[in-house]
Amino acid sequence: MKINLTFLFIFFLAIASSAQTPTNRPTVNNEAFDNKIAKVINFTIPVMGVDELKEMQEDVLILDARPQKEFDVSHIEGAQRIGFRNIEKSILDRIDKDEPIVVYCSIGYRSEKVGEKLRKMGFKNVYNLYGSIFEWVNQGNQVVDENNQPTEKVHTYNKRWSKWVEEGKAEKVW
């Protein structure tokens, strides 16, 4: 019995240490927001920072994992809405499985889950935008509305989550 307990202890210790938050994650302007993101996501999909996405925006497929009403308020220019619960499979049929894909949502939780689904479907180069659309606007980047026109609005999921969009960076909608 003693050996089994020791084995279990080592097993759970190994699992706990493998799930630790990476220290080399992308830069987020607000330390409290960074801590929140790090607690909400599991880092099962490699993360990409806002600056990195800006540098390669024209060379990657950007997928929005939010519902239509959030996407319509604002989204990153060029993004295609893939959804969260019901993934738009018609979009995936047109994508090469080796193509680099960046998925985002509000802060990164839903996009991580979609990224996991994409990986299971055989897509190889999938990344989660760290801080997602909230950090995108917090760093002063433009978003567009349902008509692809620049907008100051950002759907913040709900009032409680709206605190993670910095004051003055966007008009908060929920």
C-alpha atoms as a PDB file:
ATOM      1  CA  MET A   1       0.000   0.000   0.000  1.00  0.00           C
ATOM      2  CA  LYS A   2       2.849   2.381   0.795  1.00  0.00           C
ATOM      3  CA  ILE A   3       4.335   1.957  -2.682  1.00  0.00           C
ATOM      4  CA  ASN A   4       1.005   2.780  -4.305  1.00  0.00           C
ATOM      5  CA  LEU A   5       0.645   5.987  -2.304  1.00  0.00           C
ATOM      6  CA  THR A   6       4.181   7.036  -3.211  1.00  0.00           C
ATOM      7  CA  PHE A   7       3.483   6.304  -6.873  1.00  0.00           C
ATOM      8  CA  LEU A   8       0.285   8.351  -6.755  1.00  0.00           C
ATOM      9  CA  PHE A   9       2.065  11.254  -5.084  1.00  0.00           C
ATOM     10  CA  ILE A  10       4.797  11.297  -7.750  1.00  0.00           C
ATOM     11  CA  PHE A  11       2.206  10.914 -10.519  1.00  0.00           C
ATOM     12  CA  PHE A  12       0.126  13.877  -9.320  1.00  0.00           C
ATOM     13  CA  LEU A  13       3.247  15.950  -8.700  1.00  0.00           C
ATOM     14  CA  ALA A  14       4.331  15.341 -12.303  1.00  0.00           C
ATOM     15  CA  ILE A  15       0.918  16.357 -13.613  1.00  0.00           C
ATOM     16  CA  ALA A  16       0.854  19.511 -11.485  1.00  0.00           C
ATOM     17  CA  SER A  17       4.322  20.588 -12.589  1.00  0.00           C
ATOM     18  CA  SER A  18       3.530  20.044 -16.271  1.00  0.00           C
ATOM     19  CA  ALA A  19       0.480  22.327 -16.034  1.00  0.00           C
ATOM     20  CA  GLN A  20       2.390  25.336 -14.715  1.00  0.00           C
ATOM     21  CA  THR A  21       2.013  28.702 -16.371  1.00  0.00           C
ATOM     22  CA  PRO A  22       4.890  29.462 -18.747  1.00  0.00           C
ATOM     23  CA  THR A  23       7.069  32.349 -17.627  1.00  0.00           C
ATOM     24  CA  ASN A  24       7.927  33.367 -21.202  1.00  0.00           C
ATOM     25  CA  ARG A  25       4.385  34.255 -22.230  1.00  0.00           C
ATOM     26  CA  PRO A  26       3.669  37.287 -24.435  1.00  0.00           C
ATOM     27  CA  THR A  27       3.564  40.803 -23.041  1.00  0.00           C
ATOM     28  CA  VAL A  28       0.277  42.127 -21.680  1.00  0.00           C
ATOM     29  CA  ASN A  29       0.045  45.779 -20.611  1.00  0.00           C
ATOM     30  CA  ASN A  30      -1.848  45.159 -17.359  1.00  0.00           C
ATOM     31  CA  GLU A  31      -0.216  42.774 -14.865  1.00  0.00           C
ATOM     32  CA  ALA A  32      -3.550  41.925 -13.202  1.00  0.00           C
ATOM     33  CA  PHE A  33      -5.028  41.062 -16.618  1.00  0.00           C
ATOM     34  CA  ASP A  34      -1.988  38.923 -17.419  1.00  0.00           C
ATOM     35  CA  ASN A  35      -2.473  37.045 -14.148  1.00  0.00           C
ATOM     36  CA  LYS A  36      -6.169  36.541 -14.929  1.00  0.00           C
ATOM     37  CA  ILE A  37      -5.437  35.156 -18.395  1.00  0.00           C
ATOM     38  CA  ALA A  38      -2.772  32.832 -16.992  1.00  0.00           C
ATOM     39  CA  LYS A  39      -5.307  31.437 -14.499  1.00  0.00           C
ATOM     40  CA  VAL A  40      -8.089  30.995 -17.077  1.00  0.00           C
ATOM     41  CA  ILE A  41      -6.241  29.241 -19.891  1.00  0.00           C
ATOM     42  CA  ASN A  42      -4.328  25.966 -19.691  1.00  0.00           C
ATOM     43  CA  PHE A  43      -1.639  26.686 -22.316  1.00  0.00           C
ATOM     44  CA  THR A  44      -2.621  23.555 -24.253  1.00  0.00           C
ATOM     45  CA  ILE A  45      -2.239  25.550 -27.489  1.00  0.00           C
ATOM     46  CA  PRO A  46       0.846  27.693 -28.130  1.00  0.00           C
ATOM     47  CA  VAL A  47       0.169  31.358 -27.469  1.00  0.00           C
ATOM     48  CA  MET A  48       1.036  34.279 -29.706  1.00  0.00           C
ATOM     49  CA  GLY A  49       1.272  37.886 -28.582  1.00  0.00           C
ATOM     50  CA  VAL A  50      -0.441  40.892 -30.105  1.00  0.00           C
ATOM     51  CA  ASP A  51       2.839  42.296 -31.476  1.00  0.00           C
ATOM     52  CA  GLU A  52       3.675  38.987 -33.143  1.00  0.00           C
ATOM     53  CA  LEU A  53       0.241  38.794 -34.769  1.00  0.00           C
ATOM     54  CA  LYS A  54       0.550  42.384 -36.041  1.00  0.00           C
ATOM     55  CA  GLU A  55       3.847  41.496 -37.724  1.00  0.00           C
ATOM     56  CA  MET A  56       2.386  38.485 -39.543  1.00  0.00           C
ATOM     57  CA  GLN A  57      -1.296  39.450 -39.827  1.00  0.00           C
ATOM     58  CA  GLU A  58      -1.296  39.175 -43.623  1.00  0.00           C
ATOM     59  CA  ASP A  59       0.318  35.717 -43.549  1.00  0.00           C
ATOM     60  CA  VAL A  60      -1.975  33.882 -41.101  1.00  0.00           C
ATOM     61  CA  LEU A  61      -5.603  32.904 -40.987  1.00  0.00           C
ATOM     62  CA  ILE A  62      -7.295  34.682 -38.080  1.00  0.00           C
ATOM     63  CA  LEU A  63     -10.323  32.953 -36.588  1.00  0.00           C
ATOM     64  CA  ASP A  64     -12.751  34.520 -34.099  1.00  0.00           C
ATOM     65  CA  ALA A  65     -14.184  32.010 -31.611  1.00  0.00           C
ATOM     66  CA  ARG A  66     -16.956  34.273 -30.326  1.00  0.00           C
ATOM     67  CA  PRO A  67     -20.694  34.201 -31.086  1.00  0.00           C
ATOM     68  CA  GLN A  68     -22.042  36.207 -34.010  1.00  0.00           C
ATOM     69  CA  LYS A  69     -23.352  39.066 -31.812  1.00  0.00           C
ATOM     70  CA  GLU A  70     -19.882  39.649 -30.345  1.00  0.00           C
ATOM     71  CA  PHE A  71     -18.224  39.398 -33.768  1.00  0.00           C
ATOM     72  CA  ASP A  72     -20.716  41.874 -35.268  1.00  0.00           C
ATOM     73  CA  VAL A  73     -19.891  44.526 -32.653  1.00  0.00           C
ATOM     74  CA  SER A  74     -16.185  44.297 -33.439  1.00  0.00           C
ATOM     75  CA  HIS A  75     -13.495  41.936 -34.594  1.00  0.00           C
ATOM     76  CA  ILE A  76      -9.906  42.013 -35.765  1.00  0.00           C
ATOM     77  CA  GLU A  77      -9.805  43.062 -39.398  1.00  0.00           C
ATOM     78  CA  GLY A  78      -9.580  40.070 -41.720  1.00  0.00           C
ATOM     79  CA  ALA A  79     -10.820  37.612 -39.099  1.00  0.00           C
ATOM     80  CA  GLN A  80     -13.372  34.965 -39.963  1.00  0.00           C
ATOM     81  CA  ARG A  81     -15.890  33.912 -37.341  1.00  0.00           C
ATOM     82  CA  ILE A  82     -15.591  30.225 -36.563  1.00  0.00           C
ATOM     83  CA  GLY A  83     -17.699  30.197 -33.397  1.00  0.00           C
ATOM     84  CA  PHE A  84     -17.209  28.291 -30.186  1.00  0.00           C
ATOM     85  CA  ARG A  85     -19.881  25.707 -29.473  1.00  0.00           C
ATOM     86  CA  ASN A  86     -20.773  25.076 -33.113  1.00  0.00           C
ATOM     87  CA  ILE A  87     -17.661  25.471 -35.211  1.00  0.00           C
ATOM     88  CA  GLU A  88     -18.273  26.661 -38.768  1.00  0.00           C
ATOM     89  CA  LYS A  89     -16.983  23.575 -40.556  1.00  0.00           C
ATOM     90  CA  SER A  90     -17.459  25.199 -43.985  1.00  0.00           C
ATOM     91  CA  ILE A  91     -14.532  27.503 -43.153  1.00  0.00           C
ATOM     92  CA  LEU A  92     -12.336  24.559 -42.212  1.00  0.00           C
ATOM     93  CA  ASP A  93     -13.015  22.771 -45.500  1.00  0.00           C
ATOM     94  CA  ARG A  94     -11.151  25.565 -47.311  1.00  0.00           C
ATOM     95  CA  ILE A  95      -8.095  25.578 -45.048  1.00  0.00           C
ATOM     96  CA  ASP A  96      -4.850  23.684 -45.643  1.00  0.00           C
ATOM     97  CA  LYS A  97      -4.012  21.735 -42.471  1.00  0.00           C
ATOM     98  CA  ASP A  98      -0.480  23.204 -42.511  1.00  0.00           C
ATOM     99  CA  GLU A  99      -1.641  26.832 -42.780  1.00  0.00           C
ATOM    100  CA  PRO A 100      -0.813  28.989 -39.728  1.00  0.00           C
ATOM    101  CA  ILE A 101      -3.983  29.788 -37.782  1.00  0.00           C
ATOM    102  CA  VAL A 102      -4.439  32.256 -34.919  1.00  0.00           C
ATOM    103  CA  VAL A 103      -7.644  31.905 -32.893  1.00  0.00           C
ATOM    104  CA  TYR A 104      -8.941  34.572 -30.517  1.00  0.00           C
ATOM    105  CA  CYS A 105     -11.996  35.389 -28.390  1.00  0.00           C
ATOM    106  CA  SER A 106     -12.325  37.872 -25.506  1.00  0.00           C
ATOM    107  CA  ILE A 107      -9.317  36.855 -23.388  1.00  0.00           C
ATOM    108  CA  GLY A 108      -8.268  33.424 -24.678  1.00  0.00           C
ATOM    109  CA  TYR A 109     -10.346  30.711 -22.984  1.00  0.00           C
ATOM    110  CA  ARG A 110     -12.807  29.961 -25.808  1.00  0.00           C
ATOM    111  CA  SER A 111     -10.116  30.329 -28.457  1.00  0.00           C
ATOM    112  CA  GLU A 112      -7.942  27.810 -26.619  1.00  0.00           C
ATOM    113  CA  LYS A 113     -10.816  25.301 -26.640  1.00  0.00           C
ATOM    114  CA  VAL A 114     -11.389  25.878 -30.371  1.00  0.00           C
ATOM    115  CA  GLY A 115      -7.639  25.517 -30.933  1.00  0.00           C
ATOM    116  CA  GLU A 116      -7.738  22.144 -29.168  1.00  0.00           C
ATOM    117  CA  LYS A 117     -10.569  21.033 -31.469  1.00  0.00           C
ATOM    118  CA  LEU A 118      -8.632  22.183 -34.528  1.00  0.00           C
ATOM    119  CA  ARG A 119      -5.549  20.266 -33.402  1.00  0.00           C
ATOM    120  CA  LYS A 120      -7.655  17.113 -32.972  1.00  0.00           C
ATOM    121  CA  MET A 121      -8.939  17.647 -36.524  1.00  0.00           C
ATOM    122  CA  GLY A 122      -5.370  17.602 -37.843  1.00  0.00           C
ATOM    123  CA  PHE A 123      -4.517  21.312 -38.113  1.00  0.00           C
ATOM    124  CA  LYS A 124      -0.838  21.626 -37.224  1.00  0.00           C
ATOM    125  CA  ASN A 125      -0.008  25.333 -36.824  1.00  0.00           C
ATOM    126  CA  VAL A 126      -2.655  26.613 -34.428  1.00  0.00           C
ATOM    127  CA  TYR A 127      -2.022  29.476 -31.989  1.00  0.00           C
ATOM    128  CA  ASN A 128      -4.096  31.192 -29.320  1.00  0.00           C
ATOM    129  CA  LEU A 129      -3.880  35.006 -29.260  1.00  0.00           C
ATOM    130  CA  TYR A 130      -2.788  35.749 -25.705  1.00  0.00           C
ATOM    131  CA  GLY A 131      -5.199  38.285 -24.216  1.00  0.00           C
ATOM    132  CA  SER A 132      -7.267  38.009 -27.399  1.00  0.00           C
ATOM    133  CA  ILE A 133      -9.352  40.970 -28.593  1.00  0.00           C
ATOM    134  CA  PHE A 134      -9.191  42.681 -25.186  1.00  0.00           C
ATOM    135  CA  GLU A 135      -5.399  42.938 -25.336  1.00  0.00           C
ATOM    136  CA  TRP A 136      -5.589  43.792 -29.046  1.00  0.00           C
ATOM    137  CA  VAL A 137      -7.545  46.974 -28.242  1.00  0.00           C
ATOM    138  CA  ASN A 138      -5.660  47.597 -24.984  1.00  0.00           C
ATOM    139  CA  GLN A 139      -2.522  47.941 -27.101  1.00  0.00           C
ATOM    140  CA  GLY A 140      -4.258  50.513 -29.319  1.00  0.00           C
ATOM    141  CA  ASN A 141      -5.057  48.345 -32.324  1.00  0.00           C
ATOM    142  CA  GLN A 142      -8.051  48.923 -34.547  1.00  0.00           C
ATOM    143  CA  VAL A 143     -11.090  46.669 -34.752  1.00  0.00           C
ATOM    144  CA  VAL A 144     -13.886  46.682 -37.320  1.00  0.00           C
ATOM    145  CA  ASP A 145     -17.642  46.138 -37.123  1.00  0.00           C
ATOM    146  CA  GLU A 146     -19.956  43.806 -39.058  1.00  0.00           C
ATOM    147  CA  ASN A 147     -19.587  46.079 -42.119  1.00  0.00           C
ATOM    148  CA  ASN A 148     -15.778  46.023 -41.837  1.00  0.00           C
ATOM    149  CA  GLN A 149     -15.783  49.680 -40.816  1.00  0.00           C
ATOM    150  CA  PRO A 150     -13.490  50.877 -38.020  1.00  0.00           C
ATOM    151  CA  THR A 151     -15.269  51.023 -34.674  1.00  0.00           C
ATOM    152  CA  GLU A 152     -14.489  52.095 -31.136  1.00  0.00           C
ATOM    153  CA  LYS A 153     -16.818  49.427 -29.695  1.00  0.00           C
ATOM    154  CA  VAL A 154     -15.746  46.120 -28.206  1.00  0.00           C
ATOM    155  CA  HIS A 155     -18.121  43.440 -26.970  1.00  0.00           C
ATOM    156  CA  THR A 156     -16.799  42.634 -23.503  1.00  0.00           C
ATOM    157  CA  TYR A 157     -18.849  39.447 -22.955  1.00  0.00           C
ATOM    158  CA  ASN A 158     -20.494  40.879 -19.831  1.00  0.00           C
ATOM    159  CA  LYS A 159     -20.133  43.760 -17.383  1.00  0.00           C
ATOM    160  CA  ARG A 160     -17.847  41.811 -15.039  1.00  0.00           C
ATOM    161  CA  TRP A 161     -15.358  40.983 -17.810  1.00  0.00           C
ATOM    162  CA  SER A 162     -15.459  44.542 -19.188  1.00  0.00           C
ATOM    163  CA  LYS A 163     -12.949  45.656 -16.558  1.00  0.00           C
ATOM    164  CA  TRP A 164     -10.204  43.957 -18.585  1.00  0.00           C
ATOM    165  CA  VAL A 165     -10.614  46.448 -21.433  1.00  0.00           C
ATOM    166  CA  GLU A 166      -8.725  49.507 -20.258  1.00  0.00           C
ATOM    167  CA  GLU A 167     -10.699  52.729 -19.820  1.00  0.00           C
ATOM    168  CA  GLY A 168     -10.470  54.961 -22.854  1.00  0.00           C
ATOM    169  CA  LYS A 169      -9.333  52.176 -25.180  1.00  0.00           C
ATOM    170  CA  ALA A 170     -12.817  51.227 -26.418  1.00  0.00           C
ATOM    171  CA  GLU A 171     -16.524  51.725 -25.872  1.00  0.00           C
ATOM    172  CA  LYS A 172     -17.581  48.665 -23.877  1.00  0.00           C
ATOM    173  CA  VAL A 173     -20.678  46.768 -25.042  1.00  0.00           C
ATOM    174  CA  TRP A 174     -22.219  43.665 -23.430  1.00  0.00           C
END
